[in-house]
């Protein structure tokens, strides 16, 4: 499973693709959420852009987004608060993946 819900937070397995033309959730790939990120994978720029992207997408504070693993890798584990917006996203992407 590409995500895990624990109490009041959720852990996402993310495959980041830096140097993309725009920030975009591509879908599920190899048990991860594939996300294109505009920023390059240099000096933590892609990680910062990923935090900014999640913050805007799910309407949560940047300080509530934490890397659990993979800071220096394309494959990351990210901890987010379990909000209604994230629950809706999980339902939507699960339905899309079943097609």
N, C-alpha and C. Protein backbone atom coordinates (compact mmCIF):
# COMPACT_ATOMS: atom_id res chain seq x y z
N UNK A 1 0.84 -1.18 0.00
CA UNK A 1 0.00 0.00 0.00
C UNK A 1 0.88 1.25 0.00
N UNK A 2 0.50 2.24 -0.78
CA UNK A 2 1.32 3.44 -0.93
C UNK A 2 1.09 4.46 0.18
N UNK A 3 0.08 4.22 1.03
CA UNK A 3 -0.13 5.11 2.17
C UNK A 3 -0.53 4.28 3.39
N UNK A 4 -0.37 4.89 4.55
CA UNK A 4 -0.71 4.22 5.81
C UNK A 4 -1.30 5.27 6.75
N UNK A 5 -2.50 4.98 7.24
CA UNK A 5 -3.17 5.90 8.16
C UNK A 5 -2.88 5.47 9.60
N UNK A 6 -2.45 6.42 10.41
CA UNK A 6 -2.17 6.18 11.83
C UNK A 6 -2.80 7.31 12.63
N UNK A 7 -3.71 6.99 13.51
CA UNK A 7 -4.36 7.97 14.37
C UNK A 7 -4.78 9.23 13.59
N UNK A 8 -4.08 10.33 13.81
CA UNK A 8 -4.47 11.60 13.20
C UNK A 8 -3.52 12.05 12.08
N UNK A 9 -2.76 11.10 11.53
CA UNK A 9 -1.87 11.44 10.42
C UNK A 9 -1.81 10.31 9.41
N UNK A 10 -1.22 10.62 8.26
CA UNK A 10 -1.08 9.63 7.18
C UNK A 10 0.36 9.68 6.68
N UNK A 11 0.88 8.52 6.33
CA UNK A 11 2.22 8.42 5.73
C UNK A 11 2.06 8.10 4.25
N UNK A 12 2.68 8.90 3.40
CA UNK A 12 2.67 8.67 1.95
C UNK A 12 4.03 8.17 1.50
N UNK A 13 4.04 7.16 0.64
CA UNK A 13 5.24 6.79 -0.10
C UNK A 13 5.18 7.59 -1.39
N UNK A 14 6.21 8.40 -1.63
CA UNK A 14 6.21 9.30 -2.77
C UNK A 14 7.42 9.02 -3.66
N UNK A 15 7.19 9.02 -4.96
CA UNK A 15 8.28 8.99 -5.93
C UNK A 15 8.30 10.35 -6.59
N UNK A 16 9.29 11.14 -6.26
CA UNK A 16 9.40 12.51 -6.79
C UNK A 16 10.18 12.50 -8.10
N UNK A 17 9.70 13.27 -9.06
CA UNK A 17 10.37 13.43 -10.35
C UNK A 17 10.73 14.91 -10.49
N UNK A 18 11.97 15.28 -10.14
CA UNK A 18 12.38 16.69 -10.20
C UNK A 18 12.58 17.16 -11.65
N UNK A 19 12.77 18.46 -11.81
CA UNK A 19 13.02 19.10 -13.11
C UNK A 19 11.87 18.91 -14.09
N UNK A 20 10.66 18.85 -13.61
CA UNK A 20 9.50 18.71 -14.49
C UNK A 20 9.00 20.09 -14.92
N UNK A 21 8.14 20.11 -15.91
CA UNK A 21 7.64 21.39 -16.41
C UNK A 21 6.66 22.05 -15.45
N UNK A 22 5.97 21.22 -14.63
CA UNK A 22 5.05 21.77 -13.63
C UNK A 22 4.89 20.78 -12.48
N UNK A 23 4.37 21.27 -11.37
CA UNK A 23 4.08 20.41 -10.24
C UNK A 23 2.77 19.68 -10.51
N UNK A 24 2.78 18.36 -10.38
CA UNK A 24 1.63 17.58 -10.77
C UNK A 24 1.64 16.20 -10.12
N UNK A 25 0.49 15.78 -9.60
CA UNK A 25 0.35 14.40 -9.12
C UNK A 25 0.03 13.56 -10.35
N UNK A 26 0.91 12.63 -10.67
CA UNK A 26 0.77 11.81 -11.87
C UNK A 26 -0.18 10.64 -11.60
N UNK A 27 -0.02 10.01 -10.44
CA UNK A 27 -0.83 8.86 -10.09
C UNK A 27 -0.02 7.87 -9.28
N UNK A 28 -0.47 6.63 -9.26
CA UNK A 28 0.21 5.61 -8.49
C UNK A 28 1.16 4.83 -9.38
N UNK A 29 2.35 4.55 -8.86
CA UNK A 29 3.37 3.81 -9.59
C UNK A 29 4.24 3.05 -8.59
N UNK A 30 4.33 1.74 -8.76
CA UNK A 30 5.20 0.92 -7.92
C UNK A 30 5.00 1.18 -6.42
N UNK A 31 3.76 1.15 -5.98
CA UNK A 31 3.45 1.31 -4.56
C UNK A 31 3.84 2.68 -4.01
N UNK A 32 3.84 3.69 -4.87
CA UNK A 32 4.15 5.06 -4.47
C UNK A 32 3.24 6.03 -5.22
N UNK A 33 3.10 7.21 -4.65
CA UNK A 33 2.40 8.30 -5.32
C UNK A 33 3.45 9.06 -6.13
N UNK A 34 3.32 9.04 -7.46
CA UNK A 34 4.29 9.70 -8.33
C UNK A 34 3.90 11.16 -8.48
N UNK A 35 4.87 12.04 -8.18
CA UNK A 35 4.63 13.48 -8.24
C UNK A 35 5.75 14.15 -9.03
N UNK A 36 5.36 14.93 -10.03
CA UNK A 36 6.33 15.72 -10.78
C UNK A 36 6.53 17.04 -10.04
N UNK A 37 7.80 17.45 -9.93
CA UNK A 37 8.16 18.67 -9.21
C UNK A 37 9.01 19.55 -10.13
N UNK A 38 8.68 20.84 -10.19
CA UNK A 38 9.40 21.78 -11.06
C UNK A 38 10.86 21.96 -10.65
N UNK A 39 11.12 21.97 -9.38
CA UNK A 39 12.45 22.31 -8.88
C UNK A 39 13.45 21.17 -9.15
N UNK A 40 14.73 21.54 -9.30
CA UNK A 40 15.76 20.51 -9.49
C UNK A 40 16.11 19.84 -8.16
N UNK A 41 16.72 18.69 -8.26
CA UNK A 41 17.13 17.94 -7.07
C UNK A 41 18.50 18.44 -6.61
N UNK A 42 18.59 19.73 -6.34
CA UNK A 42 19.84 20.35 -5.93
C UNK A 42 19.60 21.19 -4.69
N UNK A 43 20.47 21.05 -3.72
CA UNK A 43 20.40 21.85 -2.49
C UNK A 43 19.01 21.86 -1.85
N UNK A 44 18.37 20.72 -1.82
CA UNK A 44 17.08 20.54 -1.14
C UNK A 44 15.93 21.28 -1.83
N UNK A 45 16.13 21.80 -3.03
CA UNK A 45 15.11 22.59 -3.71
C UNK A 45 13.86 21.76 -4.03
N UNK A 46 14.04 20.52 -4.48
CA UNK A 46 12.89 19.67 -4.82
C UNK A 46 12.08 19.32 -3.57
N UNK A 47 12.75 19.07 -2.46
CA UNK A 47 12.03 18.78 -1.21
C UNK A 47 11.22 19.98 -0.75
N UNK A 48 11.80 21.16 -0.84
CA UNK A 48 11.09 22.38 -0.46
C UNK A 48 9.88 22.61 -1.36
N UNK A 49 10.05 22.36 -2.66
CA UNK A 49 8.95 22.53 -3.61
C UNK A 49 7.85 21.50 -3.35
N UNK A 50 8.24 20.28 -2.96
CA UNK A 50 7.28 19.23 -2.65
C UNK A 50 6.45 19.61 -1.42
N UNK A 51 7.09 20.16 -0.41
CA UNK A 51 6.38 20.64 0.79
C UNK A 51 5.40 21.75 0.41
N UNK A 52 5.87 22.69 -0.39
CA UNK A 52 5.02 23.80 -0.84
C UNK A 52 3.81 23.26 -1.63
N UNK A 53 4.05 22.29 -2.50
CA UNK A 53 3.00 21.69 -3.31
C UNK A 53 1.95 21.01 -2.44
N UNK A 54 2.39 20.17 -1.49
CA UNK A 54 1.45 19.49 -0.59
C UNK A 54 0.67 20.51 0.24
N UNK A 55 1.35 21.55 0.71
CA UNK A 55 0.71 22.58 1.52
C UNK A 55 -0.44 23.25 0.76
N UNK A 56 -0.19 23.62 -0.49
CA UNK A 56 -1.22 24.26 -1.31
C UNK A 56 -2.32 23.27 -1.69
N UNK A 57 -1.92 22.08 -2.09
CA UNK A 57 -2.88 21.07 -2.59
C UNK A 57 -3.87 20.65 -1.51
N UNK A 58 -3.38 20.48 -0.28
CA UNK A 58 -4.22 19.97 0.80
C UNK A 58 -4.59 21.02 1.84
N UNK A 59 -4.19 22.27 1.60
CA UNK A 59 -4.53 23.38 2.51
C UNK A 59 -4.07 23.10 3.94
N UNK A 60 -2.80 22.73 4.07
CA UNK A 60 -2.22 22.47 5.39
C UNK A 60 -0.95 23.31 5.54
N UNK A 61 -0.55 23.51 6.76
CA UNK A 61 0.65 24.29 7.06
C UNK A 61 1.90 23.53 6.62
N UNK A 62 2.87 24.25 6.10
CA UNK A 62 4.14 23.64 5.71
C UNK A 62 4.81 22.95 6.89
N UNK A 63 4.64 23.51 8.08
CA UNK A 63 5.28 22.93 9.27
C UNK A 63 4.65 21.60 9.69
N UNK A 64 3.46 21.28 9.15
CA UNK A 64 2.79 20.01 9.45
C UNK A 64 3.23 18.89 8.52
N UNK A 65 4.11 19.19 7.57
CA UNK A 65 4.57 18.21 6.59
C UNK A 65 6.00 17.81 6.96
N UNK A 66 6.20 16.52 7.19
CA UNK A 66 7.51 16.03 7.64
C UNK A 66 8.00 14.87 6.79
N UNK A 67 9.30 14.89 6.51
CA UNK A 67 9.92 13.75 5.83
C UNK A 67 10.31 12.71 6.88
N UNK A 68 9.85 11.49 6.69
CA UNK A 68 10.20 10.40 7.59
C UNK A 68 11.42 9.65 7.04
N UNK A 69 11.58 9.68 5.73
CA UNK A 69 12.72 9.03 5.10
C UNK A 69 12.86 9.49 3.66
N UNK A 70 14.05 9.30 3.09
CA UNK A 70 14.28 9.57 1.69
C UNK A 70 14.56 11.02 1.33
N UNK A 71 15.07 11.79 2.26
CA UNK A 71 15.36 13.21 1.97
C UNK A 71 16.30 13.35 0.77
N UNK A 72 17.23 12.42 0.61
CA UNK A 72 18.21 12.51 -0.48
C UNK A 72 17.94 11.49 -1.59
N UNK A 73 16.70 11.05 -1.68
CA UNK A 73 16.32 10.03 -2.66
C UNK A 73 15.08 10.49 -3.41
N UNK A 74 14.83 9.87 -4.56
CA UNK A 74 13.59 10.17 -5.28
C UNK A 74 12.40 9.51 -4.58
N UNK A 75 12.65 8.44 -3.86
CA UNK A 75 11.60 7.76 -3.10
C UNK A 75 11.62 8.28 -1.68
N UNK A 76 10.48 8.82 -1.26
CA UNK A 76 10.39 9.47 0.05
C UNK A 76 9.20 8.94 0.84
N UNK A 77 9.28 9.07 2.14
CA UNK A 77 8.14 8.79 3.01
C UNK A 77 7.83 10.10 3.71
N UNK A 78 6.57 10.55 3.54
CA UNK A 78 6.17 11.86 4.05
C UNK A 78 4.98 11.72 4.98
N UNK A 79 5.05 12.42 6.11
CA UNK A 79 3.99 12.41 7.11
C UNK A 79 3.16 13.69 6.98
N UNK A 80 1.83 13.51 6.86
CA UNK A 80 0.89 14.62 6.75
C UNK A 80 -0.23 14.46 7.76
N UNK A 81 -0.82 15.55 8.22
CA UNK A 81 -1.98 15.42 9.09
C UNK A 81 -3.16 14.85 8.29
N UNK A 82 -3.96 14.02 8.91
CA UNK A 82 -5.10 13.40 8.23
C UNK A 82 -6.29 14.36 8.27
N UNK A 83 -6.42 15.15 7.21
CA UNK A 83 -7.51 16.13 7.12
C UNK A 83 -8.61 15.59 6.21
N UNK A 84 -9.74 16.27 6.20
CA UNK A 84 -10.84 15.88 5.30
C UNK A 84 -10.41 15.96 3.84
N UNK A 85 -9.62 16.97 3.51
CA UNK A 85 -9.15 17.14 2.13
C UNK A 85 -8.26 15.96 1.71
N UNK A 86 -7.44 15.48 2.61
CA UNK A 86 -6.58 14.33 2.30
C UNK A 86 -7.42 13.06 2.21
N UNK A 87 -8.41 12.91 3.06
CA UNK A 87 -9.30 11.74 2.99
C UNK A 87 -10.01 11.70 1.64
N UNK A 88 -10.50 12.85 1.18
CA UNK A 88 -11.16 12.95 -0.13
C UNK A 88 -10.20 12.56 -1.25
N UNK A 89 -8.96 13.03 -1.15
CA UNK A 89 -7.95 12.71 -2.15
C UNK A 89 -7.69 11.20 -2.19
N UNK A 90 -7.57 10.58 -1.02
CA UNK A 90 -7.31 9.13 -0.95
C UNK A 90 -8.45 8.35 -1.60
N UNK A 91 -9.69 8.75 -1.34
CA UNK A 91 -10.85 8.09 -1.96
C UNK A 91 -10.82 8.26 -3.48
N UNK A 92 -10.53 9.48 -3.93
CA UNK A 92 -10.54 9.78 -5.35
C UNK A 92 -9.46 8.99 -6.09
N UNK A 93 -8.25 8.99 -5.58
CA UNK A 93 -7.16 8.33 -6.30
C UNK A 93 -7.31 6.80 -6.25
N UNK A 94 -7.91 6.30 -5.18
CA UNK A 94 -8.17 4.87 -5.09
C UNK A 94 -9.20 4.45 -6.14
N UNK A 95 -10.24 5.25 -6.33
CA UNK A 95 -11.24 4.97 -7.37
C UNK A 95 -10.63 5.03 -8.75
N UNK A 96 -9.81 6.04 -9.00
CA UNK A 96 -9.15 6.19 -10.30
C UNK A 96 -8.24 5.01 -10.60
N UNK A 97 -7.59 4.51 -9.58
CA UNK A 97 -6.65 3.40 -9.76
C UNK A 97 -7.36 2.07 -10.02
N UNK A 98 -8.62 1.97 -9.59
CA UNK A 98 -9.38 0.73 -9.77
C UNK A 98 -9.86 0.59 -11.21
N UNK A 99 -9.88 1.67 -11.98
CA UNK A 99 -10.37 1.64 -13.36
C UNK A 99 -9.46 0.85 -14.26
